[in-house]
Amino acid sequence: MNIILLGPPGAGKGTQASKLVADRGMVQLSTGDMLRAAVKAGTPTGQQAKAVMESGGLVSDEIVSALIGEKLDALDADTGVIFDGYPRTAAQATALDELLVSRGRTLDYVIELEVDEAALIERVTGRYTCANCGEGYHDRFKQPKVEGVCDVCGSTEFKRRPDDNAETVHTRMAEYRAKTAPILPIYEARGLVKPIDGMADISHVSTAIDGILDGAR
């Protein structure tokens, strides 16, 4: 099964993708992670991407698509794939179709995590992580059981991302609406889009996604 997780930054795509990887053995293809890995490994595509990034340019759709193709070629044909952060534009959506068709794969679902902007700001600005192990917390929704002490490793050091602020969230949402949301009609016309309330509890979102993938919706 091949799916796209769609939604603005902070909608919970990474959390849900990690659960699908753990529960279903799917592979998460995140373009950001793949670019960093390819650059570090020094692959031909990675070298191309590194040159572009070092010059201050944006990595082209061709390079990103090449990375996706390389990853797909390295997987067994029956391994399910989660596309996270790709496609972001109509051109990338077309490229993904071509990549899948040429490898005998089909896109099964586009799962859209719908969010409320005001609630998303609260979610994003309140989150922080353990500086030692990376466990995630939130000022309102998930505090450590013992104040100031990580539940997982016992560390007392925590950190927040400097870009987790209201202004950044507004900017991300505007960019999402302008660039990524327009690809929805492409997939809606094919009956692939399945909207989910991305502001629900993590477990409720997971249950809804499971229902879609298991054919209940």
C-alpha atoms as a PDB file:
ATOM      1  CA  MET A   1       0.000   0.000   0.000  1.00  0.00           C
ATOM      2  CA  ASN A   2       1.291   3.461  -0.927  1.00  0.00           C
ATOM      3  CA  ILE A   3      -0.118   6.529   0.803  1.00  0.00           C
ATOM      4  CA  ILE A   4       0.516  10.253   1.112  1.00  0.00           C
ATOM      5  CA  LEU A   5       0.209  11.966   4.488  1.00  0.00           C
ATOM      6  CA  LEU A   6      -0.819  15.531   3.789  1.00  0.00           C
ATOM      7  CA  GLY A   7      -1.141  18.447   6.179  1.00  0.00           C
ATOM      8  CA  PRO A   8       0.675  21.571   7.329  1.00  0.00           C
ATOM      9  CA  PRO A   9       3.709  21.440   9.646  1.00  0.00           C
ATOM     10  CA  GLY A  10       2.554  20.562  13.149  1.00  0.00           C
ATOM     11  CA  ALA A  11      -0.441  18.540  11.972  1.00  0.00           C
ATOM     12  CA  GLY A  12       1.086  15.318  13.310  1.00  0.00           C
ATOM     13  CA  LYS A  13       2.261  13.648  10.095  1.00  0.00           C
ATOM     14  CA  GLY A  14       5.540  12.491  11.599  1.00  0.00           C
ATOM     15  CA  THR A  15       3.866  10.988  14.649  1.00  0.00           C
ATOM     16  CA  GLN A  16       1.357   9.045  12.568  1.00  0.00           C
ATOM     17  CA  ALA A  17       3.979   7.925  10.061  1.00  0.00           C
ATOM     18  CA  SER A  18       6.134   6.532  12.883  1.00  0.00           C
ATOM     19  CA  LYS A  19       3.171   4.529  14.176  1.00  0.00           C
ATOM     20  CA  LEU A  20       2.452   3.096  10.722  1.00  0.00           C
ATOM     21  CA  VAL A  21       6.108   2.112  10.382  1.00  0.00           C
ATOM     22  CA  ALA A  22       6.022   0.347  13.760  1.00  0.00           C
ATOM     23  CA  ASP A  23       2.603  -1.300  13.386  1.00  0.00           C
ATOM     24  CA  ARG A  24       2.499  -2.153   9.689  1.00  0.00           C
ATOM     25  CA  GLY A  25       6.121  -2.364   8.579  1.00  0.00           C
ATOM     26  CA  MET A  26       5.651   0.472   6.113  1.00  0.00           C
ATOM     27  CA  VAL A  27       8.567   2.684   5.073  1.00  0.00           C
ATOM     28  CA  GLN A  28       8.401   6.445   5.612  1.00  0.00           C
ATOM     29  CA  LEU A  29       9.916   8.470   2.804  1.00  0.00           C
ATOM     30  CA  SER A  30      10.570  11.974   4.116  1.00  0.00           C
ATOM     31  CA  THR A  31      12.296  14.144   1.535  1.00  0.00           C
ATOM     32  CA  GLY A  32      14.139  16.165   4.169  1.00  0.00           C
ATOM     33  CA  ASP A  33      15.592  13.049   5.792  1.00  0.00           C
ATOM     34  CA  MET A  34      16.453  11.547   2.411  1.00  0.00           C
ATOM     35  CA  LEU A  35      18.275  14.669   1.257  1.00  0.00           C
ATOM     36  CA  ARG A  36      20.373  14.763   4.409  1.00  0.00           C
ATOM     37  CA  ALA A  37      21.156  11.039   4.151  1.00  0.00           C
ATOM     38  CA  ALA A  38      22.075  11.245   0.462  1.00  0.00           C
ATOM     39  CA  VAL A  39      24.368  14.208   1.049  1.00  0.00           C
ATOM     40  CA  LYS A  40      26.043  12.428   3.957  1.00  0.00           C
ATOM     41  CA  ALA A  41      26.460   9.214   1.947  1.00  0.00           C
ATOM     42  CA  GLY A  42      27.868  11.104  -1.034  1.00  0.00           C
ATOM     43  CA  THR A  43      25.624   9.426  -3.599  1.00  0.00           C
ATOM     44  CA  PRO A  44      25.514  10.976  -7.090  1.00  0.00           C
ATOM     45  CA  THR A  45      22.118  12.513  -6.350  1.00  0.00           C
ATOM     46  CA  GLY A  46      23.350  13.572  -2.914  1.00  0.00           C
ATOM     47  CA  GLN A  47      26.327  15.335  -4.491  1.00  0.00           C
ATOM     48  CA  GLN A  48      23.982  17.191  -6.831  1.00  0.00           C
ATOM     49  CA  ALA A  49      21.782  18.229  -3.922  1.00  0.00           C
ATOM     50  CA  LYS A  50      24.790  19.314  -1.830  1.00  0.00           C
ATOM     51  CA  ALA A  51      26.060  21.548  -4.616  1.00  0.00           C
ATOM     52  CA  VAL A  52      22.679  23.227  -4.935  1.00  0.00           C
ATOM     53  CA  MET A  53      22.244  23.702  -1.180  1.00  0.00           C
ATOM     54  CA  GLU A  54      25.767  25.068  -0.722  1.00  0.00           C
ATOM     55  CA  SER A  55      25.077  27.644  -3.421  1.00  0.00           C
ATOM     56  CA  GLY A  56      21.981  28.741  -1.526  1.00  0.00           C
ATOM     57  CA  GLY A  57      19.533  27.395  -4.111  1.00  0.00           C
ATOM     58  CA  LEU A  58      16.453  25.222  -3.730  1.00  0.00           C
ATOM     59  CA  VAL A  59      16.801  21.546  -4.569  1.00  0.00           C
ATOM     60  CA  SER A  60      14.955  20.936  -7.847  1.00  0.00           C
ATOM     61  CA  ASP A  61      11.973  18.650  -8.362  1.00  0.00           C
ATOM     62  CA  GLU A  62      14.205  16.500 -10.578  1.00  0.00           C
ATOM     63  CA  ILE A  63      16.674  15.858  -7.763  1.00  0.00           C
ATOM     64  CA  VAL A  64      13.939  15.162  -5.221  1.00  0.00           C
ATOM     65  CA  SER A  65      12.202  12.798  -7.650  1.00  0.00           C
ATOM     66  CA  ALA A  66      15.498  11.008  -8.296  1.00  0.00           C
ATOM     67  CA  LEU A  67      15.890  10.457  -4.556  1.00  0.00           C
ATOM     68  CA  ILE A  68      12.370   9.062  -4.300  1.00  0.00           C
ATOM     69  CA  GLY A  69      13.065   6.748  -7.247  1.00  0.00           C
ATOM     70  CA  GLU A  70      16.283   5.468  -5.679  1.00  0.00           C
ATOM     71  CA  LYS A  71      14.504   4.700  -2.415  1.00  0.00           C
ATOM     72  CA  LEU A  72      11.655   2.900  -4.174  1.00  0.00           C
ATOM     73  CA  ASP A  73      14.117   0.813  -6.169  1.00  0.00           C
ATOM     74  CA  ALA A  74      15.798  -0.294  -2.939  1.00  0.00           C
ATOM     75  CA  LEU A  75      12.530  -1.612  -1.465  1.00  0.00           C
ATOM     76  CA  ASP A  76      10.764  -4.912  -2.015  1.00  0.00           C
ATOM     77  CA  ALA A  77       7.805  -4.476  -4.340  1.00  0.00           C
ATOM     78  CA  ASP A  78       5.312  -5.385  -1.608  1.00  0.00           C
ATOM     79  CA  THR A  79       6.671  -2.943   0.978  1.00  0.00           C
ATOM     80  CA  GLY A  80       4.168  -0.205   1.788  1.00  0.00           C
ATOM     81  CA  VAL A  81       5.351   3.375   1.491  1.00  0.00           C
ATOM     82  CA  ILE A  82       4.342   6.586   3.301  1.00  0.00           C
ATOM     83  CA  PHE A  83       5.173   9.786   1.436  1.00  0.00           C
ATOM     84  CA  ASP A  84       5.752  12.541   3.999  1.00  0.00           C
ATOM     85  CA  GLY A  85       6.485  16.045   2.739  1.00  0.00           C
ATOM     86  CA  TYR A  86       6.166  14.974  -0.885  1.00  0.00           C
ATOM     87  CA  PRO A  87       4.535  15.880  -3.165  1.00  0.00           C
ATOM     88  CA  ARG A  88       4.317  19.562  -2.255  1.00  0.00           C
ATOM     89  CA  THR A  89       3.337  20.922  -5.669  1.00  0.00           C
ATOM     90  CA  ALA A  90       1.300  19.893  -8.705  1.00  0.00           C
ATOM     91  CA  ALA A  91       4.526  19.233 -10.620  1.00  0.00           C
ATOM     92  CA  GLN A  92       5.731  16.882  -7.911  1.00  0.00           C
ATOM     93  CA  ALA A  93       2.363  15.112  -7.882  1.00  0.00           C
ATOM     94  CA  THR A  94       2.770  14.418 -11.604  1.00  0.00           C
ATOM     95  CA  ALA A  95       6.337  13.226 -11.042  1.00  0.00           C
ATOM     96  CA  LEU A  96       5.193  10.878  -8.270  1.00  0.00           C
ATOM     97  CA  ASP A  97       2.579   9.334 -10.547  1.00  0.00           C
ATOM     98  CA  GLU A  98       5.292   8.608 -13.102  1.00  0.00           C
ATOM     99  CA  LEU A  99       7.639   7.166 -10.471  1.00  0.00           C
ATOM    100  CA  LEU A 100       4.963   4.823  -9.159  1.00  0.00           C
ATOM    101  CA  VAL A 101       3.661   3.674 -12.550  1.00  0.00           C
ATOM    102  CA  SER A 102       7.163   2.909 -13.814  1.00  0.00           C
ATOM    103  CA  ARG A 103       7.677   0.639 -10.812  1.00  0.00           C
ATOM    104  CA  GLY A 104       4.347  -1.117 -10.934  1.00  0.00           C
ATOM    105  CA  ARG A 105       2.989   0.690  -7.879  1.00  0.00           C
ATOM    106  CA  THR A 106      -0.263   2.569  -7.363  1.00  0.00           C
ATOM    107  CA  LEU A 107      -1.209   5.355  -4.970  1.00  0.00           C
ATOM    108  CA  ASP A 108      -3.919   4.056  -2.644  1.00  0.00           C
ATOM    109  CA  TYR A 109      -4.861   6.969  -0.387  1.00  0.00           C
ATOM    110  CA  VAL A 110      -4.084  10.613   0.296  1.00  0.00           C
ATOM    111  CA  ILE A 111      -4.775  11.063   4.000  1.00  0.00           C
ATOM    112  CA  GLU A 112      -5.328  14.732   4.774  1.00  0.00           C
ATOM    113  CA  LEU A 113      -4.850  15.796   8.385  1.00  0.00           C
ATOM    114  CA  GLU A 114      -7.168  18.785   8.712  1.00  0.00           C
ATOM    115  CA  VAL A 115      -6.227  21.385  11.303  1.00  0.00           C
ATOM    116  CA  ASP A 116      -7.602  24.529  12.916  1.00  0.00           C
ATOM    117  CA  GLU A 117      -4.994  27.276  12.669  1.00  0.00           C
ATOM    118  CA  ALA A 118      -5.624  28.754  16.131  1.00  0.00           C
ATOM    119  CA  ALA A 119      -5.509  25.322  17.758  1.00  0.00           C
ATOM    120  CA  LEU A 120      -2.409  24.429  15.758  1.00  0.00           C
ATOM    121  CA  ILE A 121      -0.624  27.510  17.098  1.00  0.00           C
ATOM    122  CA  GLU A 122      -1.383  26.354  20.637  1.00  0.00           C
ATOM    123  CA  ARG A 123      -0.140  22.861  19.812  1.00  0.00           C
ATOM    124  CA  VAL A 124       3.102  24.001  18.195  1.00  0.00           C
ATOM    125  CA  THR A 125       4.065  26.807  20.577  1.00  0.00           C
ATOM    126  CA  GLY A 126       3.571  24.552  23.604  1.00  0.00           C
ATOM    127  CA  ARG A 127       5.726  21.624  22.531  1.00  0.00           C
ATOM    128  CA  TYR A 128       9.199  20.819  23.793  1.00  0.00           C
ATOM    129  CA  THR A 129      11.500  17.797  23.975  1.00  0.00           C
ATOM    130  CA  CYS A 130      13.928  16.139  26.318  1.00  0.00           C
ATOM    131  CA  ALA A 131      17.392  17.432  25.426  1.00  0.00           C
ATOM    132  CA  ASN A 132      18.873  14.003  26.109  1.00  0.00           C
ATOM    133  CA  CYS A 133      16.590  11.391  24.517  1.00  0.00           C
ATOM    134  CA  GLY A 134      14.245  13.496  22.378  1.00  0.00           C
ATOM    135  CA  GLU A 135      10.981  12.445  24.062  1.00  0.00           C
ATOM    136  CA  GLY A 136       8.260  14.936  23.188  1.00  0.00           C
ATOM    137  CA  TYR A 137       6.179  16.927  25.676  1.00  0.00           C
ATOM    138  CA  HIS A 138       3.683  19.785  25.688  1.00  0.00           C
ATOM    139  CA  ASP A 139       2.869  22.561  28.145  1.00  0.00           C
ATOM    140  CA  ARG A 140      -0.812  21.623  28.136  1.00  0.00           C
ATOM    141  CA  PHE A 141      -1.318  18.218  26.563  1.00  0.00           C
ATOM    142  CA  LYS A 142       1.609  16.083  27.730  1.00  0.00           C
ATOM    143  CA  GLN A 143       3.691  17.110  30.707  1.00  0.00           C
ATOM    144  CA  PRO A 144       6.243  14.850  32.418  1.00  0.00           C
ATOM    145  CA  LYS A 145       4.784  12.733  35.231  1.00  0.00           C
ATOM    146  CA  VAL A 146       7.313  14.335  37.560  1.00  0.00           C
ATOM    147  CA  GLU A 147       7.690  18.048  36.868  1.00  0.00           C
ATOM    148  CA  GLY A 148      11.019  18.815  35.234  1.00  0.00           C
ATOM    149  CA  VAL A 149      12.059  15.157  34.864  1.00  0.00           C
ATOM    150  CA  CYS A 150      11.847  13.195  31.580  1.00  0.00           C
ATOM    151  CA  ASP A 151       9.618  10.117  31.866  1.00  0.00           C
ATOM    152  CA  VAL A 152      11.904   8.089  29.604  1.00  0.00           C
ATOM    153  CA  CYS A 153      15.492   8.816  30.634  1.00  0.00           C
ATOM    154  CA  GLY A 154      15.251  10.913  33.792  1.00  0.00           C
ATOM    155  CA  SER A 155      17.019  13.923  32.323  1.00  0.00           C
ATOM    156  CA  THR A 156      16.173  17.353  33.681  1.00  0.00           C
ATOM    157  CA  GLU A 157      17.217  19.210  30.533  1.00  0.00           C
ATOM    158  CA  PHE A 158      14.587  20.192  27.974  1.00  0.00           C
ATOM    159  CA  LYS A 159      14.617  22.273  24.795  1.00  0.00           C
ATOM    160  CA  ARG A 160      12.248  24.046  22.423  1.00  0.00           C
ATOM    161  CA  ARG A 161      12.634  24.657  18.712  1.00  0.00           C
ATOM    162  CA  PRO A 162      13.282  28.359  18.088  1.00  0.00           C
ATOM    163  CA  ASP A 163      10.840  28.348  15.162  1.00  0.00           C
ATOM    164  CA  ASP A 164       7.949  26.978  17.238  1.00  0.00           C
ATOM    165  CA  ASN A 165       6.198  30.334  17.539  1.00  0.00           C
ATOM    166  CA  ALA A 166       2.933  31.864  16.347  1.00  0.00           C
ATOM    167  CA  GLU A 167       4.494  33.926  13.562  1.00  0.00           C
ATOM    168  CA  THR A 168       6.222  30.887  12.082  1.00  0.00           C
ATOM    169  CA  VAL A 169       3.023  28.834  12.225  1.00  0.00           C
ATOM    170  CA  HIS A 170       1.114  31.566  10.346  1.00  0.00           C
ATOM    171  CA  THR A 171       3.869  31.615   7.711  1.00  0.00           C
ATOM    172  CA  ARG A 172       3.858  27.818   7.360  1.00  0.00           C
ATOM    173  CA  MET A 173       0.073  27.731   7.036  1.00  0.00           C
ATOM    174  CA  ALA A 174       0.121  30.440   4.359  1.00  0.00           C
ATOM    175  CA  GLU A 175       2.778  28.545   2.426  1.00  0.00           C
ATOM    176  CA  TYR A 176       0.836  25.299   2.765  1.00  0.00           C
ATOM    177  CA  ARG A 177      -2.378  26.890   1.498  1.00  0.00           C
ATOM    178  CA  ALA A 178      -0.585  28.534  -1.418  1.00  0.00           C
ATOM    179  CA  LYS A 179       1.586  25.661  -2.611  1.00  0.00           C
ATOM    180  CA  THR A 180       0.443  22.309  -1.277  1.00  0.00           C
ATOM    181  CA  ALA A 181      -3.314  22.549  -0.767  1.00  0.00           C
ATOM    182  CA  PRO A 182      -3.865  23.075  -4.544  1.00  0.00           C
ATOM    183  CA  ILE A 183      -2.757  19.486  -5.195  1.00  0.00           C
ATOM    184  CA  LEU A 184      -5.795  18.214  -3.288  1.00  0.00           C
ATOM    185  CA  PRO A 185      -8.218  18.648  -6.226  1.00  0.00           C
ATOM    186  CA  ILE A 186      -5.913  16.445  -8.330  1.00  0.00           C
ATOM    187  CA  TYR A 187      -6.353  13.577  -5.912  1.00  0.00           C
ATOM    188  CA  GLU A 188      -9.966  14.378  -5.030  1.00  0.00           C
ATOM    189  CA  ALA A 189     -10.866  13.916  -8.696  1.00  0.00           C
ATOM    190  CA  ARG A 190      -9.464  10.392  -8.413  1.00  0.00           C
ATOM    191  CA  GLY A 191     -11.339   9.643  -5.189  1.00  0.00           C
ATOM    192  CA  LEU A 192      -8.146   9.179  -3.186  1.00  0.00           C
ATOM    193  CA  VAL A 193      -8.481  11.893  -0.520  1.00  0.00           C
ATOM    194  CA  LYS A 194      -9.564  10.836   2.965  1.00  0.00           C
ATOM    195  CA  PRO A 195      -9.838  13.785   5.380  1.00  0.00           C
ATOM    196  CA  ILE A 196      -9.225  13.257   9.095  1.00  0.00           C
ATOM    197  CA  ASP A 197      -9.515  15.631  12.040  1.00  0.00           C
ATOM    198  CA  GLY A 198      -5.827  16.244  12.715  1.00  0.00           C
ATOM    199  CA  MET A 199      -6.636  18.116  15.935  1.00  0.00           C
ATOM    200  CA  ALA A 200      -8.083  15.005  17.611  1.00  0.00           C
ATOM    201  CA  ASP A 201      -6.104  12.983  20.147  1.00  0.00           C
ATOM    202  CA  ILE A 202      -3.180  11.081  18.640  1.00  0.00           C
ATOM    203  CA  SER A 203      -4.858   7.732  19.345  1.00  0.00           C
ATOM    204  CA  HIS A 204      -8.091   8.847  17.660  1.00  0.00           C
ATOM    205  CA  VAL A 205      -6.192   9.986  14.575  1.00  0.00           C
ATOM    206  CA  SER A 206      -4.358   6.645  14.476  1.00  0.00           C
ATOM    207  CA  THR A 207      -7.633   4.735  14.748  1.00  0.00           C
ATOM    208  CA  ALA A 208      -9.124   6.776  11.894  1.00  0.00           C
ATOM    209  CA  ILE A 209      -6.104   6.080   9.693  1.00  0.00           C
ATOM    210  CA  ASP A 210      -6.256   2.373  10.500  1.00  0.00           C
ATOM    211  CA  GLY A 211      -9.917   2.390   9.521  1.00  0.00           C
ATOM    212  CA  ILE A 212      -9.062   3.871   6.132  1.00  0.00           C
ATOM    213  CA  LEU A 213      -6.202   1.490   5.430  1.00  0.00           C
ATOM    214  CA  ASP A 214      -8.241  -1.518   6.526  1.00  0.00           C
ATOM    215  CA  GLY A 215     -11.055  -0.540   4.176  1.00  0.00           C
ATOM    216  CA  ALA A 216     -13.579   0.557   6.778  1.00  0.00           C
ATOM    217  CA  ARG A 217     -14.076   3.938   5.089  1.00  0.00           C
END
